[in-house]
Amino acid sequence: MGGSTRSPRVLQGDNASGQSPYERLSRRMLDISGDRGVLKDVIREGAGELVTPDASVLVKYSGYLEHMDKPFDSNCFRKTPRLMKLGEDITLWGMELGLLSMRRGELARFLFKPTYAYGTLGCPPLIPPNTTVLFEIELLDFLDSAESDKFCALSAEQQDQFPLQKVLKVAATEREFGNYLFRQNRFYDAKVRYKRALLLLHRRSAPPEEQHLVEAAKLLVLLNLSFTYLRLERPTTALRYGEQALLIDQKNAKALFRCGQACLFMTEYEKARDFLVRAQKEQPFNHDINNELKKLASYYRDYTDKEKEMCHRMFTPNDNGSTVGEN
């Protein structure tokens, strides 16, 4: 799969046995529904835990009708697939069951009988009545938001009853959701997730020997927030979060870089230069930092040229011998 929308090769060939392609394929597939309504054939193994019932999944898929070369439905043409929540965004019962049997990175082929697909009526004009369909599904990733949502709804006192690792896990999940939304250019939604993660970490008190774990998690979220507010064209807020990150790690190159970007956005050229030079000191060969310094030099040169031109006009005598601004 992985973007392919051609008919699966395993289904092609002669029909000498008198069985249809789907019937031949079904003989070697695993029954995961208990009634052979959903059959599975793993093409590439995944790793890690199985998808959880309340997860949001990131998948690529293509659906095929028997004897047809091209898919009747596919999201493989999308540059970034949409995150879909189980129980809400997925309409096929068979796909839901199939996804619950998968692990991250897994690629599998499924046959869905009508009961688990489009039913006795089908879905005119594409899907005929009582049709078995084949789906190839690649599970790119999944995020379990149910645990996070329930935890965030608790009071600070209730959250304190849980071990620190639980808080860090929920904060990491919120941050992962934010990262996904950021990649979708949904910056407002991303910063909401990042702020939820930061609030969890701010509210949590940890013993001294574990405080470094909280600070490390905070640092990542603060950097995300700084970058997100830059994308939202709110440099003052971006600078504030960048400076909070520097309170945790004063030599963090990414934090220094974000602060420099924010100051450049606000045309505070001296502050921008200070932050960017410090960032360059930490990472001398960083392409982004060096390019931002070049941009700063160009902007500052244009700024000083305009200042000189303004001063020249102010103090250049006009035709009656007086300078601009004199009465």
C-alpha atoms as a PDB file:
ATOM      1  CA  MET A   1       0.000   0.000   0.000  1.00  0.00           C
ATOM      2  CA  GLY A   2       1.758   3.183   1.179  1.00  0.00           C
ATOM      3  CA  GLY A   3       0.135   5.257  -1.531  1.00  0.00           C
ATOM      4  CA  SER A   4      -0.486   2.483  -4.056  1.00  0.00           C
ATOM      5  CA  THR A   5      -4.003   2.283  -5.420  1.00  0.00           C
ATOM      6  CA  ARG A   6      -3.546  -0.638  -7.797  1.00  0.00           C
ATOM      7  CA  SER A   7      -5.507  -3.823  -7.274  1.00  0.00           C
ATOM      8  CA  PRO A   8      -3.701  -6.299  -4.962  1.00  0.00           C
ATOM      9  CA  ARG A   9      -1.704  -8.717  -7.089  1.00  0.00           C
ATOM     10  CA  VAL A  10      -2.725 -11.709  -4.993  1.00  0.00           C
ATOM     11  CA  LEU A  11      -6.231 -11.401  -6.402  1.00  0.00           C
ATOM     12  CA  GLN A  12      -5.191 -11.492 -10.026  1.00  0.00           C
ATOM     13  CA  GLY A  13      -4.884 -14.642 -12.085  1.00  0.00           C
ATOM     14  CA  ASP A  14      -7.086 -17.256 -13.709  1.00  0.00           C
ATOM     15  CA  ASN A  15     -10.262 -18.623 -12.237  1.00  0.00           C
ATOM     16  CA  ALA A  16      -9.542 -22.286 -13.022  1.00  0.00           C
ATOM     17  CA  SER A  17     -10.553 -23.478  -9.557  1.00  0.00           C
ATOM     18  CA  GLY A  18     -14.076 -22.172 -10.037  1.00  0.00           C
ATOM     19  CA  GLN A  19     -13.673 -19.928  -7.017  1.00  0.00           C
ATOM     20  CA  SER A  20     -13.704 -16.162  -7.103  1.00  0.00           C
ATOM     21  CA  PRO A  21     -10.532 -14.232  -6.201  1.00  0.00           C
ATOM     22  CA  TYR A  22     -11.969 -13.243  -2.815  1.00  0.00           C
ATOM     23  CA  GLU A  23     -12.932 -16.859  -2.061  1.00  0.00           C
ATOM     24  CA  ARG A  24      -9.401 -18.046  -2.852  1.00  0.00           C
ATOM     25  CA  LEU A  25      -7.881 -15.291  -0.744  1.00  0.00           C
ATOM     26  CA  SER A  26     -10.190 -15.967   2.200  1.00  0.00           C
ATOM     27  CA  ARG A  27      -8.899 -19.543   2.582  1.00  0.00           C
ATOM     28  CA  ARG A  28      -5.605 -18.330   4.056  1.00  0.00           C
ATOM     29  CA  MET A  29      -6.906 -15.357   6.058  1.00  0.00           C
ATOM     30  CA  LEU A  30      -7.364 -15.139   9.808  1.00  0.00           C
ATOM     31  CA  ASP A  31     -10.899 -14.842  11.193  1.00  0.00           C
ATOM     32  CA  ILE A  32     -10.878 -11.924  13.664  1.00  0.00           C
ATOM     33  CA  SER A  33     -14.640 -11.457  14.097  1.00  0.00           C
ATOM     34  CA  GLY A  34     -15.481 -15.050  15.076  1.00  0.00           C
ATOM     35  CA  ASP A  35     -17.991 -15.535  12.263  1.00  0.00           C
ATOM     36  CA  ARG A  36     -15.639 -15.082   9.290  1.00  0.00           C
ATOM     37  CA  GLY A  37     -17.236 -11.715   8.647  1.00  0.00           C
ATOM     38  CA  VAL A  38     -13.874  -9.957   9.006  1.00  0.00           C
ATOM     39  CA  LEU A  39     -10.827 -11.791   7.670  1.00  0.00           C
ATOM     40  CA  LYS A  40      -7.246 -10.579   7.944  1.00  0.00           C
ATOM     41  CA  ASP A  41      -3.961 -11.201   6.143  1.00  0.00           C
ATOM     42  CA  VAL A  42      -0.876  -9.446   7.544  1.00  0.00           C
ATOM     43  CA  ILE A  43       1.399  -8.086   4.817  1.00  0.00           C
ATOM     44  CA  ARG A  44       3.912  -6.378   7.118  1.00  0.00           C
ATOM     45  CA  GLU A  45       4.144  -6.876  10.858  1.00  0.00           C
ATOM     46  CA  GLY A  46       3.837  -3.895  13.176  1.00  0.00           C
ATOM     47  CA  ALA A  47       5.366  -3.286  16.597  1.00  0.00           C
ATOM     48  CA  GLY A  48       4.291  -2.234  20.077  1.00  0.00           C
ATOM     49  CA  GLU A  49       0.839  -2.326  21.623  1.00  0.00           C
ATOM     50  CA  LEU A  50      -2.453  -3.052  19.888  1.00  0.00           C
ATOM     51  CA  VAL A  51      -4.737  -0.133  19.052  1.00  0.00           C
ATOM     52  CA  THR A  52      -6.911   0.734  22.049  1.00  0.00           C
ATOM     53  CA  PRO A  53     -10.728   1.005  21.723  1.00  0.00           C
ATOM     54  CA  ASP A  54     -10.893   4.789  22.243  1.00  0.00           C
ATOM     55  CA  ALA A  55      -7.820   5.664  20.213  1.00  0.00           C
ATOM     56  CA  SER A  56      -7.459   8.162  17.391  1.00  0.00           C
ATOM     57  CA  VAL A  57      -5.732   6.506  14.453  1.00  0.00           C
ATOM     58  CA  LEU A  58      -3.623   7.744  11.572  1.00  0.00           C
ATOM     59  CA  VAL A  59      -4.053   5.357   8.652  1.00  0.00           C
ATOM     60  CA  LYS A  60      -3.680   4.977   4.928  1.00  0.00           C
ATOM     61  CA  TYR A  61      -6.294   2.803   3.273  1.00  0.00           C
ATOM     62  CA  SER A  62      -7.681   1.697  -0.080  1.00  0.00           C
ATOM     63  CA  GLY A  63     -10.962  -0.166  -0.602  1.00  0.00           C
ATOM     64  CA  TYR A  64     -11.534  -2.513  -3.543  1.00  0.00           C
ATOM     65  CA  LEU A  65     -14.490  -4.273  -5.129  1.00  0.00           C
ATOM     66  CA  GLU A  66     -13.940  -7.738  -6.527  1.00  0.00           C
ATOM     67  CA  HIS A  67     -12.855  -7.830 -10.209  1.00  0.00           C
ATOM     68  CA  MET A  68     -12.078  -4.071 -10.201  1.00  0.00           C
ATOM     69  CA  ASP A  69      -8.543  -2.755 -10.667  1.00  0.00           C
ATOM     70  CA  LYS A  70      -8.951   0.672  -9.088  1.00  0.00           C
ATOM     71  CA  PRO A  71     -10.085   1.399  -5.517  1.00  0.00           C
ATOM     72  CA  PHE A  72     -13.541   2.773  -4.959  1.00  0.00           C
ATOM     73  CA  ASP A  73     -12.238   4.625  -1.894  1.00  0.00           C
ATOM     74  CA  SER A  74      -8.728   5.651  -0.868  1.00  0.00           C
ATOM     75  CA  ASN A  75      -6.978   8.329   1.162  1.00  0.00           C
ATOM     76  CA  CYS A  76      -3.538   7.494  -0.215  1.00  0.00           C
ATOM     77  CA  PHE A  77      -3.535  10.579  -2.405  1.00  0.00           C
ATOM     78  CA  ARG A  78      -3.635  12.868   0.618  1.00  0.00           C
ATOM     79  CA  LYS A  79      -0.315  14.327   1.680  1.00  0.00           C
ATOM     80  CA  THR A  80      -1.284  14.088   5.358  1.00  0.00           C
ATOM     81  CA  PRO A  81      -4.016  11.623   6.347  1.00  0.00           C
ATOM     82  CA  ARG A  82      -6.657  12.839   8.769  1.00  0.00           C
ATOM     83  CA  LEU A  83      -6.616  11.628  12.357  1.00  0.00           C
ATOM     84  CA  MET A  84      -9.771   9.531  12.936  1.00  0.00           C
ATOM     85  CA  LYS A  85     -11.259   8.581  16.284  1.00  0.00           C
ATOM     86  CA  LEU A  86     -12.574   5.062  16.737  1.00  0.00           C
ATOM     87  CA  GLY A  87     -16.281   4.977  17.457  1.00  0.00           C
ATOM     88  CA  GLU A  88     -16.843   8.388  15.883  1.00  0.00           C
ATOM     89  CA  ASP A  89     -15.122   8.948  12.538  1.00  0.00           C
ATOM     90  CA  ILE A  90     -14.998   5.401  11.129  1.00  0.00           C
ATOM     91  CA  THR A  91     -18.280   4.229   9.617  1.00  0.00           C
ATOM     92  CA  LEU A  92     -17.382   0.622   8.698  1.00  0.00           C
ATOM     93  CA  TRP A  93     -17.702  -1.861  11.545  1.00  0.00           C
ATOM     94  CA  GLY A  94     -15.226  -4.147   9.824  1.00  0.00           C
ATOM     95  CA  MET A  95     -12.578  -1.439   9.629  1.00  0.00           C
ATOM     96  CA  GLU A  96     -13.029  -0.681  13.316  1.00  0.00           C
ATOM     97  CA  LEU A  97     -12.519  -4.346  14.245  1.00  0.00           C
ATOM     98  CA  GLY A  98      -9.591  -4.604  11.866  1.00  0.00           C
ATOM     99  CA  LEU A  99      -7.837  -1.588  13.355  1.00  0.00           C
ATOM    100  CA  LEU A 100      -8.237  -2.978  16.878  1.00  0.00           C
ATOM    101  CA  SER A 101      -6.159  -5.979  15.748  1.00  0.00           C
ATOM    102  CA  MET A 102      -3.265  -3.844  14.447  1.00  0.00           C
ATOM    103  CA  ARG A 103      -0.006  -2.430  15.779  1.00  0.00           C
ATOM    104  CA  ARG A 104       1.972   0.661  14.744  1.00  0.00           C
ATOM    105  CA  GLY A 105       3.586   0.265  11.335  1.00  0.00           C
ATOM    106  CA  GLU A 106       1.485  -2.760  10.399  1.00  0.00           C
ATOM    107  CA  LEU A 107       0.180  -3.211   6.867  1.00  0.00           C
ATOM    108  CA  ALA A 108      -2.693  -5.673   6.445  1.00  0.00           C
ATOM    109  CA  ARG A 109      -5.349  -6.786   3.990  1.00  0.00           C
ATOM    110  CA  PHE A 110      -8.931  -7.342   5.158  1.00  0.00           C
ATOM    111  CA  LEU A 111     -12.072  -8.853   3.666  1.00  0.00           C
ATOM    112  CA  PHE A 112     -15.318  -7.421   5.065  1.00  0.00           C
ATOM    113  CA  LYS A 113     -18.555  -9.326   4.514  1.00  0.00           C
ATOM    114  CA  PRO A 114     -21.637  -7.133   3.878  1.00  0.00           C
ATOM    115  CA  THR A 115     -22.696  -7.202   7.549  1.00  0.00           C
ATOM    116  CA  TYR A 116     -19.359  -5.545   8.459  1.00  0.00           C
ATOM    117  CA  ALA A 117     -19.254  -3.237   5.442  1.00  0.00           C
ATOM    118  CA  TYR A 118     -22.121  -1.685   3.477  1.00  0.00           C
ATOM    119  CA  GLY A 119     -24.940  -4.076   4.371  1.00  0.00           C
ATOM    120  CA  THR A 120     -27.732  -5.529   2.273  1.00  0.00           C
ATOM    121  CA  LEU A 121     -28.402  -2.232   0.496  1.00  0.00           C
ATOM    122  CA  GLY A 122     -24.812  -1.382  -0.420  1.00  0.00           C
ATOM    123  CA  CYS A 123     -23.962   2.244  -1.153  1.00  0.00           C
ATOM    124  CA  PRO A 124     -25.269   3.188  -4.620  1.00  0.00           C
ATOM    125  CA  PRO A 125     -23.954   3.865  -7.133  1.00  0.00           C
ATOM    126  CA  LEU A 126     -20.466   2.640  -6.097  1.00  0.00           C
ATOM    127  CA  ILE A 127     -21.240  -0.360  -3.871  1.00  0.00           C
ATOM    128  CA  PRO A 128     -23.796  -2.970  -5.034  1.00  0.00           C
ATOM    129  CA  PRO A 129     -26.103  -4.669  -2.478  1.00  0.00           C
ATOM    130  CA  ASN A 130     -24.649  -7.516  -0.361  1.00  0.00           C
ATOM    131  CA  THR A 131     -21.077  -6.852  -1.445  1.00  0.00           C
ATOM    132  CA  THR A 132     -17.907  -8.178   0.169  1.00  0.00           C
ATOM    133  CA  VAL A 133     -15.144  -5.581   0.005  1.00  0.00           C
ATOM    134  CA  LEU A 134     -11.390  -5.724   0.430  1.00  0.00           C
ATOM    135  CA  PHE A 135      -9.419  -3.045   2.274  1.00  0.00           C
ATOM    136  CA  GLU A 136      -5.682  -2.632   2.543  1.00  0.00           C
ATOM    137  CA  ILE A 137      -4.879  -0.647   5.671  1.00  0.00           C
ATOM    138  CA  GLU A 138      -1.568   0.725   6.920  1.00  0.00           C
ATOM    139  CA  LEU A 139      -1.537   1.876  10.536  1.00  0.00           C
ATOM    140  CA  LEU A 140       0.892   4.797  10.661  1.00  0.00           C
ATOM    141  CA  ASP A 141       0.261   5.709  14.301  1.00  0.00           C
ATOM    142  CA  PHE A 142      -2.402   5.945  16.970  1.00  0.00           C
ATOM    143  CA  LEU A 143      -2.973   8.078  20.041  1.00  0.00           C
ATOM    144  CA  ASP A 144      -5.097   7.062  22.986  1.00  0.00           C
ATOM    145  CA  SER A 145      -6.973  10.233  23.913  1.00  0.00           C
ATOM    146  CA  ALA A 146      -9.524   8.603  26.241  1.00  0.00           C
ATOM    147  CA  GLU A 147      -7.001   8.191  29.049  1.00  0.00           C
ATOM    148  CA  SER A 148      -5.780  11.736  28.551  1.00  0.00           C
ATOM    149  CA  ASP A 149      -9.270  13.259  28.402  1.00  0.00           C
ATOM    150  CA  LYS A 150     -10.380  11.504  31.590  1.00  0.00           C
ATOM    151  CA  PHE A 151      -7.242  12.502  33.452  1.00  0.00           C
ATOM    152  CA  CYS A 152      -7.444  16.165  32.394  1.00  0.00           C
ATOM    153  CA  ALA A 153     -11.020  16.313  33.700  1.00  0.00           C
ATOM    154  CA  LEU A 154      -9.838  15.475  37.232  1.00  0.00           C
ATOM    155  CA  SER A 155      -9.085  18.113  39.828  1.00  0.00           C
ATOM    156  CA  ALA A 156      -5.496  18.891  40.803  1.00  0.00           C
ATOM    157  CA  GLU A 157      -6.025  17.050  44.090  1.00  0.00           C
ATOM    158  CA  GLN A 158      -7.267  13.939  42.275  1.00  0.00           C
ATOM    159  CA  GLN A 159      -4.396  14.063  39.774  1.00  0.00           C
ATOM    160  CA  ASP A 160      -1.913  14.207  42.644  1.00  0.00           C
ATOM    161  CA  GLN A 161      -3.082  10.746  43.715  1.00  0.00           C
ATOM    162  CA  PHE A 162      -1.532   9.252  40.572  1.00  0.00           C
ATOM    163  CA  PRO A 163       2.189   8.485  40.196  1.00  0.00           C
ATOM    164  CA  LEU A 164       4.367  10.951  38.334  1.00  0.00           C
ATOM    165  CA  GLN A 165       4.831   8.568  35.405  1.00  0.00           C
ATOM    166  CA  LYS A 166       1.079   8.731  34.758  1.00  0.00           C
ATOM    167  CA  VAL A 167       1.179  12.532  34.571  1.00  0.00           C
ATOM    168  CA  LEU A 168       4.183  12.463  32.255  1.00  0.00           C
ATOM    169  CA  LYS A 169       2.461   9.922  30.001  1.00  0.00           C
ATOM    170  CA  VAL A 170      -0.720  12.009  29.725  1.00  0.00           C
ATOM    171  CA  ALA A 171       1.286  15.194  29.092  1.00  0.00           C
ATOM    172  CA  ALA A 172       3.258  13.385  26.384  1.00  0.00           C
ATOM    173  CA  THR A 173      -0.001  12.243  24.747  1.00  0.00           C
ATOM    174  CA  GLU A 174      -1.333  15.813  24.752  1.00  0.00           C
ATOM    175  CA  ARG A 175       1.915  17.007  23.207  1.00  0.00           C
ATOM    176  CA  GLU A 176       1.757  14.297  20.524  1.00  0.00           C
ATOM    177  CA  PHE A 177      -1.764  15.422  19.652  1.00  0.00           C
ATOM    178  CA  GLY A 178      -0.482  18.990  19.434  1.00  0.00           C
ATOM    179  CA  ASN A 179       2.339  17.902  17.154  1.00  0.00           C
ATOM    180  CA  TYR A 180      -0.086  16.147  14.834  1.00  0.00           C
ATOM    181  CA  LEU A 181      -2.366  19.207  14.687  1.00  0.00           C
ATOM    182  CA  PHE A 182       0.651  21.442  14.083  1.00  0.00           C
ATOM    183  CA  ARG A 183       1.678  19.319  11.093  1.00  0.00           C
ATOM    184  CA  GLN A 184      -1.860  19.792   9.784  1.00  0.00           C
ATOM    185  CA  ASN A 185      -1.353  23.592  10.071  1.00  0.00           C
ATOM    186  CA  ARG A 186      -4.094  23.678  12.707  1.00  0.00           C
ATOM    187  CA  PHE A 187      -2.039  25.952  14.937  1.00  0.00           C
ATOM    188  CA  TYR A 188      -4.854  27.195  17.167  1.00  0.00           C
ATOM    189  CA  ASP A 189      -5.949  23.633  17.993  1.00  0.00           C
ATOM    190  CA  ALA A 190      -2.320  22.621  18.502  1.00  0.00           C
ATOM    191  CA  LYS A 191      -1.661  25.305  21.096  1.00  0.00           C
ATOM    192  CA  VAL A 192      -4.760  24.222  23.034  1.00  0.00           C
ATOM    193  CA  ARG A 193      -3.265  20.716  23.361  1.00  0.00           C
ATOM    194  CA  TYR A 194       0.168  22.079  24.263  1.00  0.00           C
ATOM    195  CA  LYS A 195      -1.362  24.289  26.959  1.00  0.00           C
ATOM    196  CA  ARG A 196      -3.205  21.322  28.438  1.00  0.00           C
ATOM    197  CA  ALA A 197       0.099  19.474  28.675  1.00  0.00           C
ATOM    198  CA  LEU A 198       1.835  22.474  30.255  1.00  0.00           C
ATOM    199  CA  LEU A 199      -0.946  22.934  32.813  1.00  0.00           C
ATOM    200  CA  LEU A 200      -0.624  19.304  33.885  1.00  0.00           C
ATOM    201  CA  LEU A 201       3.110  19.704  34.372  1.00  0.00           C
ATOM    202  CA  HIS A 202       2.792  23.035  36.202  1.00  0.00           C
ATOM    203  CA  ARG A 203       0.226  21.613  38.602  1.00  0.00           C
ATOM    204  CA  ARG A 204       2.322  18.600  39.466  1.00  0.00           C
ATOM    205  CA  SER A 205       4.691  18.720  42.411  1.00  0.00           C
ATOM    206  CA  ALA A 206       7.496  16.189  42.231  1.00  0.00           C
ATOM    207  CA  PRO A 207      10.173  15.150  44.726  1.00  0.00           C
ATOM    208  CA  PRO A 208      13.608  16.701  44.083  1.00  0.00           C
ATOM    209  CA  GLU A 209      15.045  13.507  42.621  1.00  0.00           C
ATOM    210  CA  GLU A 210      12.278  13.425  39.968  1.00  0.00           C
ATOM    211  CA  GLN A 211      11.894  17.141  39.278  1.00  0.00           C
ATOM    212  CA  HIS A 212      14.278  16.922  36.322  1.00  0.00           C
ATOM    213  CA  LEU A 213      11.755  14.669  34.544  1.00  0.00           C
ATOM    214  CA  VAL A 214       9.049  17.319  34.889  1.00  0.00           C
ATOM    215  CA  GLU A 215      11.410  20.077  33.742  1.00  0.00           C
ATOM    216  CA  ALA A 216      12.473  18.077  30.688  1.00  0.00           C
ATOM    217  CA  ALA A 217       8.822  17.545  29.718  1.00  0.00           C
ATOM    218  CA  LYS A 218       8.045  21.248  30.291  1.00  0.00           C
ATOM    219  CA  LEU A 219      10.943  22.277  28.080  1.00  0.00           C
ATOM    220  CA  LEU A 220       9.600  20.342  25.090  1.00  0.00           C
ATOM    221  CA  VAL A 221       6.108  21.811  25.487  1.00  0.00           C
ATOM    222  CA  LEU A 222       7.411  25.369  25.905  1.00  0.00           C
ATOM    223  CA  LEU A 223       9.437  25.042  22.702  1.00  0.00           C
ATOM    224  CA  ASN A 224       6.334  23.774  20.905  1.00  0.00           C
ATOM    225  CA  LEU A 225       4.275  26.693  22.198  1.00  0.00           C
ATOM    226  CA  SER A 226       6.901  29.238  21.169  1.00  0.00           C
ATOM    227  CA  PHE A 227       6.988  27.867  17.629  1.00  0.00           C
ATOM    228  CA  THR A 228       3.188  27.650  17.441  1.00  0.00           C
ATOM    229  CA  TYR A 229       2.722  31.277  18.460  1.00  0.00           C
ATOM    230  CA  LEU A 230       5.236  32.305  15.823  1.00  0.00           C
ATOM    231  CA  ARG A 231       3.045  30.540  13.262  1.00  0.00           C
ATOM    232  CA  LEU A 232       0.028  32.348  14.726  1.00  0.00           C
ATOM    233  CA  GLU A 233       1.965  35.615  14.196  1.00  0.00           C
ATOM    234  CA  ARG A 234       1.942  36.437  17.902  1.00  0.00           C
ATOM    235  CA  PRO A 235       5.658  37.056  18.511  1.00  0.00           C
ATOM    236  CA  THR A 236       5.256  38.595  21.977  1.00  0.00           C
ATOM    237  CA  THR A 237       3.718  35.383  23.304  1.00  0.00           C
ATOM    238  CA  ALA A 238       6.218  33.294  21.357  1.00  0.00           C
ATOM    239  CA  LEU A 239       9.046  35.221  23.041  1.00  0.00           C
ATOM    240  CA  ARG A 240       7.508  34.714  26.480  1.00  0.00           C
ATOM    241  CA  TYR A 241       7.369  30.936  26.074  1.00  0.00           C
ATOM    242  CA  GLY A 242      10.867  30.891  24.600  1.00  0.00           C
ATOM    243  CA  GLU A 243      12.213  32.781  27.596  1.00  0.00           C
ATOM    244  CA  GLN A 244      10.446  30.360  29.952  1.00  0.00           C
ATOM    245  CA  ALA A 245      12.243  27.533  28.155  1.00  0.00           C
ATOM    246  CA  LEU A 246      15.549  29.339  28.728  1.00  0.00           C
ATOM    247  CA  LEU A 247      14.845  29.437  32.460  1.00  0.00           C
ATOM    248  CA  ILE A 248      14.990  25.635  32.334  1.00  0.00           C
ATOM    249  CA  ASP A 249      17.960  25.405  29.947  1.00  0.00           C
ATOM    250  CA  GLN A 250      19.734  28.718  29.350  1.00  0.00           C
ATOM    251  CA  LYS A 251      21.893  27.252  26.581  1.00  0.00           C
ATOM    252  CA  ASN A 252      19.111  25.532  24.662  1.00  0.00           C
ATOM    253  CA  ALA A 253      19.784  26.407  21.021  1.00  0.00           C
ATOM    254  CA  LYS A 254      16.199  25.899  19.912  1.00  0.00           C
ATOM    255  CA  ALA A 255      14.852  28.193  22.632  1.00  0.00           C
ATOM    256  CA  LEU A 256      17.425  30.864  21.766  1.00  0.00           C
ATOM    257  CA  PHE A 257      16.517  30.499  18.098  1.00  0.00           C
ATOM    258  CA  ARG A 258      12.761  30.887  18.753  1.00  0.00           C
ATOM    259  CA  CYS A 259      13.406  33.980  20.874  1.00  0.00           C
ATOM    260  CA  GLY A 260      15.556  35.420  18.097  1.00  0.00           C
ATOM    261  CA  GLN A 261      12.830  34.745  15.531  1.00  0.00           C
ATOM    262  CA  ALA A 262      10.229  36.428  17.746  1.00  0.00           C
ATOM    263  CA  CYS A 263      12.394  39.524  18.238  1.00  0.00           C
ATOM    264  CA  LEU A 264      13.116  39.725  14.521  1.00  0.00           C
ATOM    265  CA  PHE A 265       9.359  39.526  13.860  1.00  0.00           C
ATOM    266  CA  MET A 266       8.913  42.515  16.216  1.00  0.00           C
ATOM    267  CA  THR A 267      11.833  44.390  14.506  1.00  0.00           C
ATOM    268  CA  GLU A 268      13.788  44.372  17.770  1.00  0.00           C
ATOM    269  CA  TYR A 269      17.023  43.819  15.884  1.00  0.00           C
ATOM    270  CA  GLU A 270      19.515  44.137  18.752  1.00  0.00           C
ATOM    271  CA  LYS A 271      17.670  41.600  20.909  1.00  0.00           C
ATOM    272  CA  ALA A 272      17.235  39.322  17.904  1.00  0.00           C
ATOM    273  CA  ARG A 273      20.963  39.434  17.214  1.00  0.00           C
ATOM    274  CA  ASP A 274      21.797  38.662  20.841  1.00  0.00           C
ATOM    275  CA  PHE A 275      19.571  35.564  20.916  1.00  0.00           C
ATOM    276  CA  LEU A 276      20.673  34.299  17.500  1.00  0.00           C
ATOM    277  CA  VAL A 277      24.387  34.762  18.189  1.00  0.00           C
ATOM    278  CA  ARG A 278      23.976  32.803  21.414  1.00  0.00           C
ATOM    279  CA  ALA A 279      22.125  30.084  19.506  1.00  0.00           C
ATOM    280  CA  GLN A 280      24.899  29.982  16.897  1.00  0.00           C
ATOM    281  CA  LYS A 281      27.479  29.626  19.665  1.00  0.00           C
ATOM    282  CA  GLU A 282      25.693  26.449  20.810  1.00  0.00           C
ATOM    283  CA  GLN A 283      25.227  25.081  17.282  1.00  0.00           C
ATOM    284  CA  PRO A 284      27.708  26.803  14.900  1.00  0.00           C
ATOM    285  CA  PHE A 285      26.738  24.761  11.859  1.00  0.00           C
ATOM    286  CA  ASN A 286      22.973  24.874  12.258  1.00  0.00           C
ATOM    287  CA  HIS A 287      21.572  25.825   8.858  1.00  0.00           C
ATOM    288  CA  ASP A 288      18.390  27.465  10.194  1.00  0.00           C
ATOM    289  CA  ILE A 289      20.233  29.604  12.742  1.00  0.00           C
ATOM    290  CA  ASN A 290      22.792  30.806  10.210  1.00  0.00           C
ATOM    291  CA  ASN A 291      20.076  31.633   7.684  1.00  0.00           C
ATOM    292  CA  GLU A 292      18.155  33.600  10.303  1.00  0.00           C
ATOM    293  CA  LEU A 293      21.291  35.627  11.067  1.00  0.00           C
ATOM    294  CA  LYS A 294      21.637  36.395   7.352  1.00  0.00           C
ATOM    295  CA  LYS A 295      17.981  37.463   7.255  1.00  0.00           C
ATOM    296  CA  LEU A 296      18.565  39.671  10.292  1.00  0.00           C
ATOM    297  CA  ALA A 297      21.569  41.316   8.626  1.00  0.00           C
ATOM    298  CA  SER A 298      19.514  42.002   5.505  1.00  0.00           C
ATOM    299  CA  TYR A 299      16.572  43.415   7.450  1.00  0.00           C
ATOM    300  CA  TYR A 300      18.856  45.561   9.609  1.00  0.00           C
ATOM    301  CA  ARG A 301      20.654  46.896   6.545  1.00  0.00           C
ATOM    302  CA  ASP A 302      17.335  47.888   4.977  1.00  0.00           C
ATOM    303  CA  TYR A 303      16.282  49.487   8.259  1.00  0.00           C
ATOM    304  CA  THR A 304      19.443  51.580   8.593  1.00  0.00           C
ATOM    305  CA  ASP A 305      19.244  52.625   4.939  1.00  0.00           C
ATOM    306  CA  LYS A 306      15.723  53.920   5.500  1.00  0.00           C
ATOM    307  CA  GLU A 307      16.840  55.708   8.662  1.00  0.00           C
ATOM    308  CA  LYS A 308      19.648  57.429   6.764  1.00  0.00           C
ATOM    309  CA  GLU A 309      17.286  58.444   3.985  1.00  0.00           C
ATOM    310  CA  MET A 310      14.839  59.890   6.514  1.00  0.00           C
ATOM    311  CA  CYS A 311      17.583  61.875   8.246  1.00  0.00           C
ATOM    312  CA  HIS A 312      18.861  63.107   4.904  1.00  0.00           C
ATOM    313  CA  ARG A 313      15.434  64.417   3.982  1.00  0.00           C
ATOM    314  CA  MET A 314      14.965  66.053   7.366  1.00  0.00           C
ATOM    315  CA  PHE A 315      18.198  68.035   7.239  1.00  0.00           C
ATOM    316  CA  THR A 316      18.573  68.738   3.538  1.00  0.00           C
ATOM    317  CA  PRO A 317      17.877  72.465   2.769  1.00  0.00           C
ATOM    318  CA  ASN A 318      14.881  73.077   0.549  1.00  0.00           C
ATOM    319  CA  ASP A 319      14.612  75.707  -2.179  1.00  0.00           C
ATOM    320  CA  ASN A 320      14.196  78.674   0.231  1.00  0.00           C
ATOM    321  CA  GLY A 321      17.276  77.678   2.232  1.00  0.00           C
ATOM    322  CA  SER A 322      15.512  76.243   5.281  1.00  0.00           C
ATOM    323  CA  THR A 323      15.694  72.632   6.365  1.00  0.00           C
ATOM    324  CA  VAL A 324      12.713  70.330   6.569  1.00  0.00           C
ATOM    325  CA  GLY A 325      10.946  70.869   9.926  1.00  0.00           C
ATOM    326  CA  GLU A 326      11.948  74.573  10.256  1.00  0.00           C
ATOM    327  CA  ASN A 327       9.225  77.224  10.398  1.00  0.00           C
END
